[in-house]
Each structure stands twice: as C-alpha cells, then as structure tokens.
Protein backbone atom coordinates (compact mmCIF):
# COMPACT_ATOMS: atom_id res chain seq x y z
CA MET A 1 -6.64 32.97 5.70
CA GLU A 2 -4.67 33.60 2.57
CA ASN A 3 -2.08 36.34 2.68
CA ASN A 4 -2.76 37.37 -0.93
CA LEU A 5 -6.45 37.89 -0.03
CA LEU A 6 -5.50 40.39 2.67
CA GLN A 7 -2.98 42.07 0.39
CA ARG A 8 -5.60 42.56 -2.31
CA ILE A 9 -8.15 43.89 0.20
CA ASN A 10 -5.55 46.40 1.43
CA GLU A 11 -4.61 47.41 -2.13
CA LEU A 12 -8.23 48.11 -3.01
CA ALA A 13 -8.81 50.03 0.24
CA LYS A 14 -5.78 52.21 -0.41
CA LYS A 15 -6.82 52.84 -4.01
CA LYS A 16 -10.36 53.68 -2.89
CA LYS A 17 -8.98 56.40 -0.61
CA THR A 18 -6.57 57.87 -3.15
CA GLU A 19 -8.18 57.67 -6.59
CA GLY A 20 -11.42 55.74 -6.30
CA LEU A 21 -12.46 52.35 -7.60
CA THR A 22 -14.01 51.23 -10.86
CA PRO A 23 -17.33 49.38 -10.67
CA GLU A 24 -15.46 46.11 -11.28
CA GLU A 25 -13.04 46.85 -8.43
CA GLN A 26 -15.95 47.75 -6.14
CA ALA A 27 -17.58 44.40 -6.91
CA GLU A 28 -14.27 42.62 -6.28
CA GLN A 29 -13.81 44.46 -2.98
CA LYS A 30 -17.31 43.51 -1.87
CA LYS A 31 -16.66 39.86 -2.76
CA LEU A 32 -13.31 39.83 -0.92
CA TYR A 33 -14.84 41.42 2.19
CA LYS A 34 -17.54 38.75 2.18
CA ILE A 35 -14.90 35.99 2.03
CA TYR A 36 -12.81 37.69 4.73
CA LEU A 37 -15.75 38.11 7.11
CA GLY A 38 -16.79 34.50 6.51
CA ASP A 39 -13.30 33.35 7.51
CA ILE A 40 -13.34 35.51 10.65
CA ARG A 41 -16.76 34.18 11.65
CA ALA A 42 -15.62 30.59 11.11
CA GLN A 43 -12.54 31.16 13.29
CA PHE A 44 -14.68 32.71 16.02
CA ASP A 45 -17.12 29.80 15.84
CA LYS A 46 -14.24 27.33 16.27
CA THR A 47 -12.99 29.31 19.26
CA LEU A 48 -16.41 29.08 20.89
CA ASP A 49 -16.27 25.29 20.46
CA ASN A 50 -13.42 25.29 23.00
CA VAL A 51 -15.09 27.54 25.58
CA SER A 52 -17.03 26.17 28.55
CA VAL A 53 -19.29 27.85 31.07
CA GLU A 54 -19.54 26.91 34.71
CA ASN A 55 -23.07 27.19 36.07
CA LYS A 56 -23.87 28.31 39.61
CA ASP A 57 -24.49 24.70 40.57
CA GLY A 58 -20.93 23.80 39.55
CA SER A 59 -21.79 21.96 36.35
CA VAL A 60 -19.72 22.78 33.28
CA VAL A 61 -21.33 22.94 29.85
CA PRO A 62 -20.06 23.99 26.41
CA PHE A 63 -20.64 27.68 25.70
CA LYS A 64 -22.84 27.03 22.67
CA GLU A 65 -25.05 24.72 24.69
CA ALA A 66 -25.31 27.19 27.57
CA TYR A 67 -26.36 30.07 25.33
CA LYS A 68 -28.49 28.38 22.68
CA LYS A 69 -31.22 30.57 21.28
CA LYS A 70 -34.56 29.30 22.38
CA LYS A 71 -37.05 28.88 19.55
C-alpha cells in the first residue's frame, strides 16, 4: 500500500473534522477509501491462502476449500 495514499486519506479526514470538505474532496476521499479497502481485502485474501483447517478426521484442507459457500 502506498504511503502517500494513506497520507492523503489522513489529510482529508483531518480537514473533514476541522473545516469540512468540498464536493471534489469528498469524491476524492470516497475514491481513496475504495482503493484502500480493496487493498486490505486483497491482503486478507492472500493471508487466507496460507491458512489450513484440520478436520475432525485428521485431514488438513485449505481454509477457502473448507469454508466454500455452497450454491
């Protein structure tokens, strides 16, 4: 995650609390939050790729395979 992205998010959050944001800044903040949350979700997804679950029978399966949503 880019450091300047976090800095800008923090700048806009601080400005929002003190003096408010212009409509352009609100749109920028919304866009930056969307990027930030996408990065967090991607990191979490990669973490789950490295997690395994041991079943009661002793077999070990990847987490994503163990908890797949049934359609």
